[in-house]
Protein backbone atom coordinates (compact mmCIF):
# COMPACT_ATOMS: atom_id res chain seq x y z
CA MET A 1 -18.80 85.31 106.54
CA ALA A 2 -15.15 84.20 106.35
CA GLU A 3 -12.61 86.56 104.82
CA ILE A 4 -9.47 85.74 102.83
CA SER A 5 -6.60 87.93 101.67
CA VAL A 6 -5.85 88.52 98.01
CA LYS A 7 -2.67 86.47 98.45
CA GLU A 8 -4.63 83.50 99.83
CA TYR A 9 -7.19 83.79 97.07
CA VAL A 10 -4.52 83.92 94.34
CA LYS A 11 -2.78 80.88 95.82
CA LYS A 12 -6.01 78.92 95.60
CA GLN A 13 -6.48 79.96 91.98
CA GLU A 14 -2.94 78.88 91.16
CA GLN A 15 -3.77 75.42 92.45
CA LEU A 16 -6.78 75.33 90.16
CA GLU A 17 -4.65 76.51 87.25
CA ASP A 18 -2.18 73.67 87.86
CA GLU A 19 -5.09 71.26 87.53
CA ALA A 20 -6.22 72.95 84.32
CA ASN A 21 -2.72 72.83 82.84
CA GLU A 22 -2.46 69.16 83.67
CA LEU A 23 -5.68 68.46 81.76
CA MET A 24 -5.04 70.83 78.84
CA PRO A 25 -1.31 71.73 78.83
CA PHE A 26 -0.97 73.06 75.30
CA ASP A 27 -1.77 76.33 73.59
CA PRO A 28 -4.92 75.65 71.51
CA SER A 29 -4.10 78.24 68.86
CA TYR A 30 -2.49 76.15 66.13
CA CYS A 31 -4.51 74.04 63.70
CA THR A 32 -2.37 71.29 62.14
CA TYR A 33 -4.22 71.21 58.79
CA SER A 34 -1.43 73.07 56.97
CA MET A 35 1.16 70.58 58.25
CA GLY A 36 -0.41 67.77 56.23
CA PRO A 37 -0.50 64.16 57.42
CA ILE A 38 1.45 63.74 60.66
CA ARG A 39 1.29 61.55 63.75
CA GLN A 40 -0.70 63.55 66.27
CA PRO A 41 -3.39 63.32 68.95
CA VAL A 42 -6.76 63.07 67.20
CA TYR A 43 -10.29 63.69 68.45
CA ALA A 44 -13.33 62.23 66.68
CA CYS A 45 -16.27 64.62 66.41
CA ARG A 46 -19.45 62.55 66.32
CA THR A 47 -21.50 65.72 65.91
CA CYS A 48 -19.73 66.76 62.69
CA ARG A 49 -19.97 63.65 60.50
CA ASN A 50 -17.45 61.68 62.60
CA ILE A 51 -14.49 63.68 61.32
CA GLY A 52 -11.12 63.71 63.07
CA VAL A 53 -9.79 67.02 64.36
CA CYS A 54 -6.57 68.17 65.98
CA TYR A 55 -6.09 69.16 69.62
CA SER A 56 -6.56 72.90 69.01
CA CYS A 57 -9.70 72.50 66.89
CA SER A 58 -11.21 70.20 69.51
CA ILE A 59 -11.04 73.20 71.84
CA GLN A 60 -11.58 76.19 69.57
CA CYS A 61 -14.13 74.75 67.13
CA HIS A 62 -15.83 71.69 68.66
CA THR A 63 -16.21 72.48 72.36
CA SER A 64 -19.98 71.89 72.29
CA CYS A 65 -19.72 68.76 70.11
CA ASP A 66 -19.71 65.08 71.05
CA LEU A 67 -15.96 64.37 71.04
CA VAL A 68 -14.10 61.08 71.51
CA GLU A 69 -10.39 61.14 72.30
CA LEU A 70 -8.54 58.70 70.02
CA PHE A 71 -5.01 59.50 71.18
CA ASP A 72 -2.24 59.31 68.55
CA LYS A 73 -2.99 58.45 64.92
CA ARG A 74 -0.40 58.04 62.17
CA ASP A 75 -0.42 60.13 58.96
CA PHE A 76 -3.52 62.12 59.88
CA SER A 77 -4.47 65.63 58.81
CA CYS A 78 -7.02 67.73 60.70
CA ASP A 79 -10.42 67.67 58.97
CA CYS A 80 -11.96 70.63 60.76
CA GLY A 81 -13.43 72.96 58.15
CA THR A 82 -12.77 70.59 55.23
CA ASP A 83 -15.20 69.21 52.69
CA ARG A 84 -15.52 66.03 54.77
CA GLN A 85 -17.28 68.01 57.48
CA PHE A 86 -19.87 69.45 55.10
CA LYS A 87 -20.24 66.86 52.34
CA GLY A 88 -23.73 66.04 53.60
CA GLY A 89 -24.99 69.50 52.67
CA GLU A 90 -24.56 71.03 56.11
CA GLU A 91 -24.16 74.79 56.37
CA PHE A 92 -20.49 75.71 56.07
CA ARG A 93 -18.74 76.90 59.21
CA PRO A 94 -15.07 77.88 58.94
CA CYS A 95 -12.37 76.58 61.23
CA ASN A 96 -12.17 79.19 63.98
CA ILE A 97 -8.37 79.10 63.81
CA ARG A 98 -7.72 79.05 60.03
CA LYS A 99 -10.68 81.34 59.21
CA ASN A 100 -11.10 79.66 55.82
CA SER A 101 -13.77 81.24 53.62
CA GLU A 102 -14.81 77.93 52.04
CA PRO A 103 -14.30 74.24 52.83
CA ASP A 104 -10.69 73.14 52.45
CA VAL A 105 -9.90 69.85 50.73
CA GLY A 106 -9.60 66.93 53.12
CA ASP A 107 -6.35 64.96 52.92
CA MET A 108 -6.73 61.69 51.05
CA SER A 109 -4.26 59.96 53.37
CA ASN A 110 -6.70 60.10 56.29
CA ARG A 111 -7.97 56.65 57.18
CA TYR A 112 -11.36 56.46 58.82
CA GLY A 113 -12.64 53.46 60.74
CA GLN A 114 -14.85 52.57 63.66
CA ASN A 115 -12.78 54.60 66.14
CA PHE A 116 -14.20 57.79 64.62
CA GLN A 117 -17.68 56.59 65.60
CA GLY A 118 -16.43 56.10 69.15
CA LEU A 119 -16.18 52.31 68.76
CA PHE A 120 -13.15 50.19 69.58
CA CYS A 121 -11.80 46.64 69.48
CA SER A 122 -13.19 43.55 67.74
CA CYS A 123 -16.26 43.82 69.99
CA HIS A 124 -17.12 47.21 68.41
CA LYS A 125 -17.97 48.85 71.73
CA GLU A 126 -17.54 52.33 73.14
CA TYR A 127 -14.85 52.89 75.73
CA ASP A 128 -16.12 52.20 79.23
CA PRO A 129 -14.17 54.16 81.86
CA ASN A 130 -15.76 52.09 84.62
CA THR A 131 -14.18 48.79 83.60
CA THR A 132 -10.80 47.53 84.74
CA ALA A 133 -10.22 45.72 81.45
CA THR A 134 -6.85 46.61 79.94
CA MET A 135 -6.91 48.14 76.45
CA LEU A 136 -3.88 48.06 74.16
CA GLN A 137 -3.26 49.94 70.92
CA CYS A 138 -1.79 48.03 67.99
CA VAL A 139 1.64 49.49 67.19
CA LEU A 140 1.48 48.25 63.58
CA GLY A 141 -2.07 49.30 62.76
CA LEU A 142 -1.82 48.92 58.99
CA GLU A 143 -4.91 46.72 58.81
CA CYS A 144 -6.77 47.75 61.98
CA ASN A 145 -6.00 51.49 61.77
CA GLU A 146 -4.20 51.48 65.13
CA ASP A 147 -7.28 50.26 66.96
CA TRP A 148 -7.47 49.62 70.71
CA TYR A 149 -8.26 46.12 72.04
CA HIS A 150 -9.59 44.75 75.34
CA ASP A 151 -7.44 42.10 76.98
CA HIS A 152 -10.27 39.55 76.91
CA CYS A 153 -10.93 40.21 73.21
CA ILE A 154 -7.24 39.68 72.45
CA LEU A 155 -7.67 36.25 74.01
CA GLY A 156 -10.79 35.66 71.92
CA ILE A 157 -13.25 35.91 74.81
CA GLU A 158 -15.87 38.16 73.24
CA THR A 159 -17.56 39.11 76.51
CA ASN A 160 -16.00 39.73 79.88
CA PRO A 161 -16.21 36.31 81.59
CA ASP A 162 -16.29 37.58 85.17
CA PRO A 163 -17.26 40.75 86.99
CA VAL A 164 -14.32 43.11 86.84
CA THR A 165 -12.29 43.37 90.02
CA GLU A 166 -9.51 45.65 91.16
CA ASP A 167 -6.97 42.86 90.83
CA ARG A 168 -8.04 41.71 87.38
CA VAL A 169 -6.18 38.62 86.16
CA LEU A 170 -6.97 36.82 82.90
CA PRO A 171 -5.35 33.38 82.54
CA GLY A 172 -3.12 33.37 79.47
CA PHE A 173 -2.76 37.13 79.22
CA PRO A 174 0.83 38.38 79.66
CA GLU A 175 1.74 40.60 82.58
CA LEU A 176 1.82 44.23 81.50
CA ALA A 177 5.37 44.71 82.74
CA SER A 178 6.63 41.90 80.51
CA PHE A 179 6.15 43.66 77.15
CA ASP A 180 6.35 47.10 75.56
CA GLY A 181 4.34 46.79 72.35
CA PHE A 182 1.39 44.89 70.92
CA ILE A 183 0.53 43.81 67.35
CA SER A 184 -3.05 42.67 66.82
CA TRP A 185 -4.03 39.41 65.16
CA LYS A 186 -5.84 41.43 62.48
CA CYS A 187 -2.60 42.99 61.26
CA ILE A 188 -0.72 39.71 61.59
CA ASP A 189 -3.35 37.86 59.54
CA LYS A 190 -2.94 40.51 56.81
CA TYR A 191 0.83 40.02 56.70
CA ARG A 192 1.01 36.38 57.73
CA SER A 193 4.05 35.50 55.60
CA VAL A 194 6.03 38.39 57.07
CA PHE A 195 5.41 37.33 60.64
CA GLU A 196 6.06 33.69 59.85
CA ARG A 197 9.43 34.83 58.58
CA LEU A 198 10.00 36.88 61.74
CA LEU A 199 9.17 34.04 64.09
CA SER A 200 11.37 31.61 62.19
CA HIS A 201 14.39 33.88 62.48
CA GLU A 202 17.00 33.01 65.08
CA ASP A 203 16.86 36.52 66.56
CA ALA A 204 13.10 36.57 66.98
CA ASP A 205 13.41 36.04 70.73
CA LYS A 206 15.12 39.45 71.01
CA ILE A 207 11.93 41.07 69.74
CA VAL A 208 8.98 38.86 70.68
CA ALA A 209 8.06 38.41 74.33
CA HIS A 210 4.79 36.50 73.89
CA LYS A 211 2.72 34.93 71.15
CA VAL A 212 -0.92 34.74 72.23
CA PHE A 213 -3.44 32.67 70.30
CA ARG A 214 -7.10 33.63 70.15
CA LYS A 215 -10.31 31.70 70.76
CA ASP A 216 -8.90 29.02 73.05
CA ALA A 217 -6.82 31.55 75.03
CA LYS A 218 -3.77 29.43 74.37
CA CYS A 219 -0.68 31.38 75.31
CA LEU A 220 2.80 30.30 74.29
CA GLU A 221 5.57 32.55 75.55
CA THR A 222 9.26 33.00 75.66
CA GLY A 223 10.38 33.88 79.16
CA GLU A 224 13.58 33.95 81.09
CA ASN A 225 12.49 31.00 83.17
CA GLU A 226 11.77 28.65 80.26
CA LYS A 227 13.60 25.36 80.49
CA THR A 228 13.86 25.02 76.70
CA ASP A 229 15.96 27.12 74.39
CA LYS A 230 14.11 30.36 73.58
CA LYS A 231 14.99 30.35 69.88
CA ARG A 232 13.68 26.87 69.51
CA SER A 233 10.46 27.68 71.37
CA LEU A 234 9.65 30.51 68.95
CA ARG A 235 10.15 28.23 65.94
CA ASP A 236 8.10 25.55 67.63
CA MET A 237 5.24 27.96 68.14
CA GLU A 238 5.08 28.64 64.42
CA ASN A 239 5.29 24.95 63.61
CA SER A 240 2.81 23.79 66.22
CA GLY A 241 0.17 23.07 63.58
CA THR A 242 -2.36 25.58 64.90
CA SER A 243 -4.30 27.67 62.38
CA ASP A 244 -5.69 30.07 64.98
CA SER A 245 -5.02 33.78 64.73
CA TYR A 246 -2.54 35.16 67.20
CA SER A 247 -1.21 38.46 68.51
CA LEU A 248 2.38 39.32 69.32
CA PHE A 249 3.67 41.14 72.38
CA LEU A 250 7.01 42.86 71.84
CA LYS A 251 9.88 43.30 74.25
CA GLU A 252 11.19 46.59 75.52
CA GLY A 253 13.56 48.06 72.94
CA PHE A 254 11.84 46.18 70.10
CA ARG A 255 12.39 49.03 67.62
CA GLU A 256 16.14 48.93 67.98
CA GLU A 257 16.10 45.14 67.57
CA PHE A 258 13.85 45.39 64.51
CA LYS A 259 16.34 47.86 63.02
CA LYS A 260 19.29 45.54 63.66
CA LEU A 261 17.36 42.64 62.15
CA ARG A 262 16.36 44.68 59.08
CA ASP A 263 19.94 45.75 58.42
CA SER A 264 21.20 42.17 58.70
CA LEU A 265 18.81 40.67 56.15
CA GLU A 266 19.42 40.08 52.46
CA LYS A 267 17.89 42.51 49.95
CA ASP A 268 15.33 40.03 48.64
CA ASP A 269 14.09 39.01 52.12
CA VAL A 270 10.35 39.61 52.55
CA LEU A 271 10.89 40.77 56.13
CA LYS A 272 13.52 43.32 55.07
CA ALA A 273 11.17 44.74 52.43
CA PHE A 274 8.36 44.97 54.97
CA LEU A 275 10.47 46.77 57.58
CA THR A 276 12.01 49.07 54.97
CA ASN A 277 9.02 50.05 52.84
CA THR A 278 5.79 49.06 54.56
CA ALA A 279 6.39 49.55 58.28
CA PRO A 280 9.63 51.52 58.80
CA PHE A 281 8.12 52.94 62.01
CA LEU A 282 8.71 49.56 63.66
CA CYS A 283 12.43 50.34 63.45
CA GLU A 284 12.39 53.99 64.48
CA GLU A 285 10.59 55.80 67.29
CA GLU A 286 7.74 57.77 65.73
CA LYS A 287 7.67 61.50 66.30
CA VAL A 288 4.34 62.68 67.67
CA TYR A 289 3.37 66.29 67.06
CA GLU A 290 2.64 68.28 70.18
CA PRO A 291 1.15 71.78 70.07
CA PRO A 292 3.25 74.54 71.67
CA LYS A 293 3.06 74.67 75.44
CA GLU A 294 0.63 77.14 76.93
CA GLU A 295 2.49 80.27 77.98
CA GLU A 296 2.60 80.87 81.71
CA GLN A 297 -0.29 83.10 82.76
CA GLY A 298 -1.90 84.48 85.89
CA SER A 299 -4.32 82.37 87.92
CA LEU A 300 -7.53 81.18 86.34
CA VAL A 301 -10.81 82.18 87.88
CA GLU A 302 -12.69 79.81 90.11
CA LEU A 303 -16.04 79.06 88.55
CA GLY A 304 -16.17 75.94 90.68
CA GLU A 305 -13.70 73.19 91.44
CA SER A 306 -16.13 70.68 89.97
CA ALA A 307 -15.48 72.18 86.54
CA LEU A 308 -11.99 70.71 86.69
CA ALA A 309 -12.98 67.33 88.07
CA LYS A 310 -11.12 64.55 86.33
CA ASN A 311 -14.31 62.64 85.52
CA LEU A 312 -15.76 65.41 83.35
CA SER A 313 -16.11 64.77 79.63
CA HIS A 314 -13.65 66.36 77.24
CA GLN A 315 -16.12 68.94 75.98
CA GLN A 316 -17.26 69.88 79.49
CA THR A 317 -13.67 70.47 80.55
CA LEU A 318 -12.99 72.57 77.46
CA ALA A 319 -16.07 74.71 78.05
CA SER A 320 -14.97 75.35 81.63
CA LEU A 321 -11.44 76.33 80.61
CA LEU A 322 -12.68 78.71 77.92
CA ALA A 323 -15.02 80.32 80.43
CA PHE A 324 -12.09 80.77 82.82
CA GLN A 325 -10.06 82.56 80.18
CA GLN A 326 -12.91 84.86 79.16
CA ILE A 327 -13.60 86.12 82.67
CA LYS A 328 -10.00 86.30 83.88
CA THR A 329 -9.40 89.94 82.87
CA LYS A 330 -12.56 91.11 84.59
CA LEU A 331 -11.56 89.40 87.82
CA THR A 332 -8.11 91.01 87.72
CA ASP A 333 -9.68 94.46 87.47
CA PHE A 334 -12.06 93.58 90.30
CA LEU A 335 -9.27 92.45 92.66
CA ARG A 336 -6.86 95.32 91.94
CA PRO A 337 -8.46 97.84 94.37
CA PHE A 338 -8.41 95.25 97.18
CA ALA A 339 -4.73 94.55 96.56
CA GLU A 340 -3.78 98.22 96.34
CA SER A 341 -5.54 99.03 99.62
CA ASN A 342 -4.47 95.76 101.29
CA THR A 343 -8.12 95.05 102.01
CA ALA A 344 -9.34 91.51 102.68
CA VAL A 345 -11.67 89.94 100.14
CA SER A 346 -14.74 88.30 101.62
CA GLU A 347 -16.59 85.31 100.20
CA THR A 348 -19.55 87.65 99.71
CA ASP A 349 -17.40 89.91 97.50
CA ILE A 350 -16.36 86.96 95.36
CA LYS A 351 -19.90 85.58 95.18
CA ASN A 352 -21.28 88.96 94.15
CA PHE A 353 -18.64 89.24 91.44
CA PHE A 354 -19.56 85.92 89.87
CA ASP A 355 -23.29 86.55 90.24
CA SER A 356 -22.89 89.80 88.31
CA HIS A 357 -21.07 88.04 85.48
CA LYS A 358 -23.37 85.10 84.99
CA LYS A 359 -24.56 84.75 81.42
């Protein structure tokens, strides 16, 4: 049986800890409920009435649940341990972090949609990690609740037309490097007059990179290589006579340009009112709450490298990390005599340790 020194063993554990910190870098000890509605990473718990919970509660309270990562949501308050989780008559369980004795009141600003059921896009499907289809989140999100959309659905092709390939190219879909933001046709249809005003403005070309129509995959763009004047092309797109819904793809630095445009408009301009009162976040970078960083600790125990594999589900990864933390102290005590006596640790020693601590 091969033998390794304590130093070699610790080095291997440090490598595993780096992987763990990459997957879960924050200290899961702070529930955001008391902070009220903020922009933060949200996880949908399909086990607990499809509520949305914060990063820490996804780890401390819902490890064994069916969780779906939704990424950042605007103006959302954690619903772990609130009346939304137990309004169906379920037995009350407190938030493990807040230790509330009864259900707290869920924030009325929380907006719930299909994402909290694990469904996305206009095709209402679950996220498929095995597809190469690009998914984009709507930066406006006032009508679609910041939903995520497949590239082919943005074009109006309801099903993937061809088998996905590594070098996926959809005719009419802009190159990813050519834009920095996306506004879905659903939100544009809701605020059609606002976006008509935007596209008719002479400075629209500083903000809009592409205007992509749905259904017929018609794509009209403004690019550096266009032969016609870019300002004219944007106005022409609006006046082309089409009634199809369209999405907009925004240039890098679009927020700064939106801000300049807002400040230059007259008080009674519909676009100024929209950018000032309805969607001010289009003009300013939104702050996203991040939990405090995990404090630097000693190496995590190796329960198996597979527990940190990148293809594990969120809840499987969380369960592995919690198990690491629980057994860490016991392993330290076990290794101390070897280190003090400068004795090598054999694989049999390590195996016997873990066998004796199996639940």
